[in-house]
Protein backbone atom coordinates (compact mmCIF):
# COMPACT_ATOMS: atom_id res chain seq x y z
CA MET A 1 130.43 81.87 231.79
CA LYS A 2 127.50 83.96 230.50
CA ARG A 3 129.07 84.01 227.04
CA ILE A 4 129.42 80.23 227.10
CA VAL A 5 125.79 79.80 228.19
CA ARG A 6 124.55 82.19 225.46
CA ALA A 7 126.62 80.37 222.85
CA ALA A 8 125.30 77.02 223.99
CA CYS A 9 121.71 78.31 223.84
CA THR A 10 122.29 79.68 220.33
CA VAL A 11 123.65 76.34 219.14
CA PHE A 12 120.71 74.50 220.72
CA VAL A 13 118.10 76.77 219.10
CA THR A 14 119.80 76.55 215.70
CA ALA A 15 119.99 72.77 215.92
CA ALA A 16 116.34 72.56 216.97
CA ALA A 17 115.27 74.75 214.05
CA ALA A 18 117.32 72.68 211.60
CA SER A 19 115.83 69.49 213.04
CA ALA A 20 112.30 70.87 212.62
CA GLN A 21 113.01 71.77 209.00
CA THR A 22 114.35 68.31 208.19
CA ARG A 23 111.52 66.37 209.84
CA PRO A 24 109.48 64.26 207.40
CA ALA A 25 106.25 65.80 206.17
CA ALA A 26 103.13 64.94 208.14
CA PRO A 27 101.12 62.03 206.66
CA ILE A 28 97.60 62.70 205.45
CA LEU A 29 94.84 60.12 205.24
CA ARG A 30 91.21 61.19 205.07
CA ALA A 31 88.12 59.27 204.04
CA ARG A 32 84.43 60.10 203.89
CA HIS A 33 81.17 58.90 202.39
CA ALA A 34 80.10 60.51 199.09
CA ALA A 35 77.19 60.30 196.67
CA PRO A 36 77.90 58.64 193.29
CA THR A 37 77.53 62.00 191.51
CA VAL A 38 79.29 64.11 194.13
CA LYS A 39 80.74 67.44 193.01
CA VAL A 40 84.38 67.84 194.02
CA LYS A 41 86.27 71.15 194.00
CA VAL A 42 90.06 70.97 194.22
CA PHE A 43 92.71 73.66 194.57
CA HIS A 44 96.32 72.46 194.62
CA VAL A 45 99.13 74.97 194.12
CA ALA A 46 102.32 72.96 193.53
CA GLY A 47 103.58 69.39 193.49
CA SER A 48 101.46 66.62 192.01
CA LEU A 49 97.86 65.47 192.14
CA THR A 50 96.62 62.02 191.13
CA LEU A 51 92.87 61.45 190.73
CA ILE A 52 91.48 57.92 190.35
CA GLY A 53 87.84 57.02 189.75
CA TRP A 54 86.54 53.89 191.45
CA ASP A 55 83.25 52.02 192.01
CA ARG A 56 82.73 52.95 195.66
CA ASP A 57 80.57 55.48 197.48
CA SER A 58 83.48 57.12 199.24
CA ILE A 59 86.36 59.55 198.86
CA VAL A 60 89.85 58.72 200.12
CA VAL A 61 92.81 61.11 200.06
CA ARG A 62 96.38 60.02 200.75
CA GLY A 63 99.63 61.93 200.75
CA ARG A 64 101.89 64.19 202.76
CA VAL A 65 102.06 67.94 203.30
CA SER A 66 104.93 70.03 204.62
CA ARG A 67 105.13 71.32 208.18
CA GLY A 68 103.30 74.60 208.48
CA ASP A 69 100.76 73.72 205.79
CA GLY A 70 97.22 72.51 206.42
CA PHE A 71 95.10 69.99 204.55
CA TYR A 72 91.33 70.39 204.38
CA LEU A 73 88.52 68.14 203.15
CA SER A 74 85.08 69.50 203.91
CA GLY A 75 81.52 69.49 202.63
CA SER A 76 78.63 67.08 202.36
CA ASP A 77 77.85 63.84 200.53
CA SER A 78 76.76 65.81 197.47
CA GLY A 79 79.62 68.33 197.36
CA VAL A 80 83.10 68.55 198.85
CA LYS A 81 86.22 70.64 198.46
CA PHE A 82 89.79 69.88 199.39
CA GLY A 83 93.26 71.30 199.09
CA VAL A 84 96.34 72.48 200.93
CA GLU A 85 96.84 75.96 202.41
CA SER A 86 99.74 77.69 204.13
CA ARG A 87 99.33 78.38 207.84
CA VAL A 88 102.57 80.31 208.14
CA PRO A 89 101.86 84.08 208.19
CA GLU A 90 105.01 85.02 206.27
CA ARG A 91 104.40 82.40 203.55
CA GLU A 92 101.35 82.95 201.36
CA ASP A 93 101.44 79.74 199.32
CA PRO A 94 101.87 76.17 200.58
CA LEU A 95 104.99 74.19 199.72
CA PRO A 96 104.84 71.53 196.95
CA CYS A 97 103.32 68.23 198.00
CA ASP A 98 101.99 65.04 196.42
CA LEU A 99 98.38 63.92 196.90
CA VAL A 100 96.35 60.95 195.64
CA MET A 101 92.56 61.01 195.65
CA TYR A 102 90.11 58.16 195.01
CA LEU A 103 86.55 59.19 194.20
CA PRO A 104 83.37 57.81 192.56
CA ARG A 105 83.61 57.46 188.77
CA ARG A 106 80.47 59.53 188.19
CA ALA A 107 81.71 62.44 190.28
CA GLN A 108 82.09 65.86 188.67
CA LEU A 109 85.44 67.54 189.26
CA SER A 110 86.57 71.14 189.24
CA VAL A 111 90.36 71.14 189.53
CA LYS A 112 92.62 74.19 189.58
CA THR A 113 96.41 74.26 190.04
CA VAL A 114 99.23 76.74 189.56
CA SER A 115 102.25 74.56 188.77
CA ALA A 116 101.12 71.19 190.08
CA SER A 117 100.96 68.36 187.55
CA VAL A 118 97.68 66.44 187.37
CA THR A 119 97.20 62.78 186.45
CA ALA A 120 93.59 61.63 186.27
CA SER A 121 91.99 58.33 185.31
CA ASP A 122 88.29 57.49 184.82
CA VAL A 123 87.05 60.86 186.09
CA SER A 124 85.08 63.72 184.51
CA GLY A 125 84.96 67.48 184.82
CA TRP A 126 86.99 70.66 184.41
CA PHE A 127 90.77 70.87 184.78
CA TYR A 128 92.88 74.04 184.73
CA SER A 129 96.56 74.74 185.39
CA VAL A 130 98.80 77.72 184.77
CA SER A 131 102.03 75.84 184.06
CA GLY A 132 101.38 72.29 185.26
CA ASN A 133 101.10 69.29 182.96
CA LEU A 134 97.71 67.56 182.60
CA ARG A 135 97.51 63.85 181.81
CA LEU A 136 93.97 62.44 181.48
CA SER A 137 93.03 58.86 180.61
CA GLY A 138 90.22 56.33 180.85
CA SER A 139 86.48 56.88 180.44
CA ALA A 140 84.62 60.10 181.18
CA THR A 141 81.21 61.67 180.59
CA SER A 142 82.86 64.95 179.55
CA LEU A 143 86.26 66.63 179.86
CA ASP A 144 87.33 70.27 179.69
CA ALA A 145 91.09 70.75 180.17
CA GLN A 146 93.16 73.93 179.93
CA THR A 147 96.79 74.83 180.65
CA MET A 148 98.71 77.93 179.64
CA SER A 149 102.20 76.51 179.22
CA GLY A 150 101.99 72.91 180.37
CA THR A 151 101.70 69.74 178.31
CA LEU A 152 98.22 68.29 177.78
CA ASP A 153 98.05 64.53 177.15
CA MET A 154 94.59 63.00 176.72
CA ALA A 155 93.93 59.32 176.02
CA VAL A 156 90.22 59.14 176.76
CA THR A 157 86.89 57.66 175.75
CA SER A 158 84.23 60.33 176.12
CA PRO A 159 81.20 61.77 174.31
CA TRP A 160 82.66 65.29 174.56
CA VAL A 161 86.21 66.64 174.95
CA ARG A 162 87.46 70.23 174.97
CA ALA A 163 91.18 71.01 175.40
CA ARG A 164 93.24 74.22 175.28
CA THR A 165 96.92 75.01 175.74
CA GLY A 166 99.05 78.05 174.97
CA SER A 167 102.66 77.11 174.34
CA GLY A 168 102.41 73.52 175.56
CA HIS A 169 102.17 70.35 173.51
CA LEU A 170 98.67 68.92 173.08
CA LEU A 171 98.30 65.20 172.35
CA LEU A 172 94.86 63.68 171.80
CA ARG A 173 94.42 59.90 171.74
CA GLY A 174 91.72 57.43 172.66
CA SER A 175 88.24 57.48 171.10
CA PRO A 176 86.27 60.61 171.98
CA GLN A 177 83.21 61.41 169.85
CA ASP A 178 82.98 65.22 169.82
CA VAL A 179 86.31 67.08 169.99
CA ASP A 180 87.27 70.76 170.25
CA VAL A 181 91.04 71.25 170.70
CA ALA A 182 93.29 74.28 170.26
CA THR A 183 96.76 75.67 170.91
CA VAL A 184 98.38 79.07 170.44
CA SER A 185 101.97 78.14 169.59
CA GLY A 186 102.18 74.56 170.81
CA THR A 187 102.19 71.51 168.57
CA LEU A 188 98.86 69.69 168.28
CA ASP A 189 99.00 65.93 167.68
CA PHE A 190 95.67 64.36 166.77
CA ALA A 191 95.77 60.56 167.01
CA ALA A 192 92.26 59.76 168.28
CA THR A 193 90.03 57.21 166.55
CA GLY A 194 86.28 57.11 166.03
CA VAL A 195 85.84 60.88 166.26
CA LEU A 196 82.54 61.98 164.67
CA ARG A 197 82.91 65.77 165.01
CA ALA A 198 86.23 67.54 165.38
CA GLN A 199 87.62 71.05 165.40
CA ALA A 200 91.39 71.53 165.76
CA VAL A 201 92.86 75.05 165.73
CA SER A 202 96.29 76.61 166.22
CA VAL A 203 97.73 80.06 165.62
CA THR A 204 101.40 79.28 164.92
CA GLY A 205 101.69 75.67 166.02
CA ASP A 206 101.82 72.67 163.67
CA ILE A 207 98.94 70.18 163.51
CA HIS A 208 99.69 66.49 162.96
CA TYR A 209 96.92 64.00 162.22
CA VAL A 210 97.59 60.25 162.26
CA GLY A 211 94.90 57.68 161.43
CA ALA A 212 91.80 57.58 159.25
CA PRO A 213 88.62 59.68 159.53
CA ALA A 214 85.63 57.76 160.88
CA ARG A 215 82.76 57.04 158.54
CA GLY A 216 80.21 59.86 158.59
CA SER A 217 82.53 62.21 160.50
CA ILE A 218 82.97 65.95 159.98
CA ALA A 219 86.29 67.61 160.87
CA ASP A 220 87.81 71.06 160.53
CA PHE A 221 91.54 71.79 160.92
CA SER A 222 92.94 75.31 160.72
CA THR A 223 96.11 77.23 161.56
CA HIS A 224 97.48 80.65 160.65
CA SER A 225 101.17 79.98 160.02
CA GLY A 226 101.72 76.41 161.18
CA ALA A 227 101.83 73.35 158.93
CA VAL A 228 99.05 70.75 158.78
CA GLU A 229 100.09 67.18 158.05
CA PHE A 230 97.84 64.14 157.57
CA VAL A 231 99.34 60.65 157.71
CA MET A 232 96.68 58.15 156.64
CA PRO A 233 96.46 54.57 155.39
CA ALA A 234 95.74 53.90 151.73
CA SER A 235 92.25 52.73 152.75
CA ALA A 236 91.28 56.15 154.15
CA SER A 237 87.91 57.37 152.87
CA GLY A 238 86.83 60.99 152.76
CA VAL A 239 86.40 64.22 150.87
CA PHE A 240 89.26 66.61 151.71
CA THR A 241 88.84 70.32 151.00
CA LEU A 242 92.29 71.93 151.30
CA SER A 243 93.09 75.64 151.08
CA SER A 244 96.19 77.74 151.77
CA MET A 245 96.67 81.40 150.93
CA SER A 246 100.44 81.27 150.43
CA GLY A 247 101.65 77.87 151.62
CA PRO A 248 102.16 74.80 149.39
CA ILE A 249 99.82 71.81 149.26
CA GLU A 250 101.46 68.40 148.90
CA ASN A 251 99.45 65.32 147.98
CA ALA A 252 101.11 61.89 148.31
CA PHE A 253 97.99 60.05 147.12
CA ARG A 254 99.16 60.25 143.50
CA GLN A 255 96.55 57.88 142.21
CA ILE A 256 93.93 60.49 143.00
CA ARG A 257 93.42 63.29 140.49
CA PRO A 258 92.66 66.35 142.66
CA ALA A 259 90.62 69.28 141.48
CA GLY A 260 92.17 72.72 141.94
CA SER A 261 95.60 74.30 142.21
CA PRO A 262 98.30 72.94 144.57
CA THR A 263 99.22 76.51 145.51
CA GLN A 264 95.71 77.80 146.31
CA GLY A 265 93.41 74.94 147.12
CA MET A 266 92.19 71.56 146.03
CA ARG A 267 89.47 69.04 146.66
CA ILE A 268 90.50 65.40 147.00
CA THR A 269 88.22 62.38 147.27
CA LEU A 270 89.68 59.24 148.82
CA GLY A 271 87.82 55.94 148.68
CA ARG A 272 84.07 56.38 148.72
CA GLY A 273 84.26 59.80 150.40
CA ASP A 274 82.69 58.61 153.67
CA SER A 275 83.84 61.62 155.71
CA GLN A 276 84.14 65.40 155.29
CA VAL A 277 87.47 67.03 156.20
CA THR A 278 88.29 70.72 155.77
CA VAL A 279 91.86 72.01 156.16
CA ARG A 280 92.72 75.74 156.08
CA THR A 281 95.96 77.65 156.60
CA PHE A 282 97.12 81.17 155.76
CA LYS A 283 100.89 80.72 155.39
CA GLY A 284 101.47 77.12 156.44
CA ALA A 285 101.93 74.05 154.28
CA ILE A 286 99.37 71.26 153.91
CA ARG A 287 100.64 67.72 153.40
CA LEU A 288 98.79 64.47 152.78
CA ARG A 289 101.00 61.41 153.29
CA THR A 290 100.39 57.69 153.11
CA GLN A 291 100.90 55.69 156.27
């Protein structure tokens, strides 16, 4: 009889533990008043984070966290911080979860994740992730985004944009004015319009430019061993200074008579020369193609 009772207790405890593990995550819904220029600090380890700017003087967070993890949102009207932390002694990091945050458009963000992907719209500030993907869109006063191995996709309108990625793909779209973007080995796609000042750098990654330089703009593109390719319409206007130590230089604008050697460097003037573009590589190829 004692064996039967012990066996029954063991089955009951095991079933209870399994039931606790399969329970749905606890819902989270927090809201608080916030100043229009509130500073928001976020730390989110894994899962996903969606940030949406809106025209209200409040912060609202929705989502779910796993059992054993705690959600916090604390601070004052001028500064708050929120995130998820593990409350299980034997588990240092919280489990992946998905959170959505609405906050004033003029707020200043400081966001840090490990592997969580971030999607943000109409917000400004600093974004960093180790391996998570960053996707930023809409209007912002300034943006500084960095990820070591994740993808960085920016389609923004902003006076100032700075973006860095190591091995991830970096895509820049929208119409920022002042741009500083770089990769180590990842491909850099530059498809933004209306840029007045630009610096695009890569060590071994290729750089692709699609569009036409804005009138009065100054841009510098450089890579050590990657290729640099410009795809532009026939109406593009600018002075292009191209140089490569050992890579070839290909010019598809045949109607233009460039000055210099196609194996060392050349200077090409398109249209009225309304912009200044400098392209430098050490071993990579430089190609100018018509759109």
